[in-house]
Amino acid sequence: MLSIELAIQGRDFALAHGCKLEWHTYPMPHSVCAEEVEALRVWLGAKLRA
């Protein structure tokens, strides 16, 4: 498991090197919530259609 601080550093590094990414955080303990699963479903659906 990564800390949010380390994840933010990774995000910032990727952006600084021209990577396109989507970034979402969710106010919850280390688990999965319905909103997160829905965001993943939408993202994956778009990638599979591309």
C-alpha atoms as a PDB file:
ATOM      1  CA  MET A   1       0.000   0.000   0.000  1.00  0.00           C
ATOM      2  CA  LEU A   2       1.286   3.471  -0.893  1.00  0.00           C
ATOM      3  CA  SER A   3       0.822   6.554   1.186  1.00  0.00           C
ATOM      4  CA  ILE A   4      -1.169   9.359  -0.424  1.00  0.00           C
ATOM      5  CA  GLU A   5       1.968  11.498  -0.325  1.00  0.00           C
ATOM      6  CA  LEU A   6       3.932   8.957  -2.370  1.00  0.00           C
ATOM      7  CA  ALA A   7       1.030   8.572  -4.797  1.00  0.00           C
ATOM      8  CA  ILE A   8       0.936  12.358  -5.274  1.00  0.00           C
ATOM      9  CA  GLN A   9       4.674  12.389  -5.967  1.00  0.00           C
ATOM     10  CA  GLY A  10       4.183   9.689  -8.595  1.00  0.00           C
ATOM     11  CA  ARG A  11       1.303  11.595 -10.158  1.00  0.00           C
ATOM     12  CA  ASP A  12       3.324  14.794 -10.282  1.00  0.00           C
ATOM     13  CA  PHE A  13       6.308  12.978 -11.807  1.00  0.00           C
ATOM     14  CA  ALA A  14       4.130  11.417 -14.515  1.00  0.00           C
ATOM     15  CA  LEU A  15       2.516  14.764 -15.343  1.00  0.00           C
ATOM     16  CA  ALA A  16       5.905  16.502 -15.457  1.00  0.00           C
ATOM     17  CA  HIS A  17       7.028  13.930 -18.025  1.00  0.00           C
ATOM     18  CA  GLY A  18       4.029  14.418 -20.306  1.00  0.00           C
ATOM     19  CA  CYS A  19       1.899  11.455 -19.272  1.00  0.00           C
ATOM     20  CA  LYS A  20      -1.846  11.820 -19.596  1.00  0.00           C
ATOM     21  CA  LEU A  21      -3.637  10.532 -16.536  1.00  0.00           C
ATOM     22  CA  GLU A  22      -6.813  10.791 -14.536  1.00  0.00           C
ATOM     23  CA  TRP A  23      -6.515  11.391 -10.810  1.00  0.00           C
ATOM     24  CA  HIS A  24      -9.200  10.761  -8.223  1.00  0.00           C
ATOM     25  CA  THR A  25      -9.102  10.565  -4.447  1.00  0.00           C
ATOM     26  CA  TYR A  26     -11.928   9.358  -2.272  1.00  0.00           C
ATOM     27  CA  PRO A  27     -12.537  10.290   1.385  1.00  0.00           C
ATOM     28  CA  MET A  28     -12.584   6.791   2.857  1.00  0.00           C
ATOM     29  CA  PRO A  29     -10.430   4.232   4.656  1.00  0.00           C
ATOM     30  CA  HIS A  30      -8.339   1.729   2.688  1.00  0.00           C
ATOM     31  CA  SER A  31     -11.165  -0.026   0.871  1.00  0.00           C
ATOM     32  CA  VAL A  32     -13.284   0.290  -2.268  1.00  0.00           C
ATOM     33  CA  CYS A  33     -16.432   2.403  -2.507  1.00  0.00           C
ATOM     34  CA  ALA A  34     -19.241   2.355  -5.083  1.00  0.00           C
ATOM     35  CA  GLU A  35     -18.168   5.750  -6.484  1.00  0.00           C
ATOM     36  CA  GLU A  36     -14.650   4.457  -7.095  1.00  0.00           C
ATOM     37  CA  VAL A  37     -15.921   1.290  -8.804  1.00  0.00           C
ATOM     38  CA  GLU A  38     -18.183   3.386 -11.049  1.00  0.00           C
ATOM     39  CA  ALA A  39     -15.279   5.674 -12.027  1.00  0.00           C
ATOM     40  CA  LEU A  40     -13.205   2.612 -12.882  1.00  0.00           C
ATOM     41  CA  ARG A  41     -16.065   1.131 -14.922  1.00  0.00           C
ATOM     42  CA  VAL A  42     -16.441   4.335 -16.953  1.00  0.00           C
ATOM     43  CA  TRP A  43     -12.676   4.660 -17.503  1.00  0.00           C
ATOM     44  CA  LEU A  44     -12.207   1.037 -18.522  1.00  0.00           C
ATOM     45  CA  GLY A  45     -15.243   1.149 -20.823  1.00  0.00           C
ATOM     46  CA  ALA A  46     -13.806   4.189 -22.602  1.00  0.00           C
ATOM     47  CA  LYS A  47     -10.406   2.527 -22.994  1.00  0.00           C
ATOM     48  CA  LEU A  48     -11.930  -0.677 -24.377  1.00  0.00           C
ATOM     49  CA  ARG A  49     -13.965   1.291 -26.956  1.00  0.00           C
ATOM     50  CA  ALA A  50     -10.875   3.210 -28.128  1.00  0.00           C
END
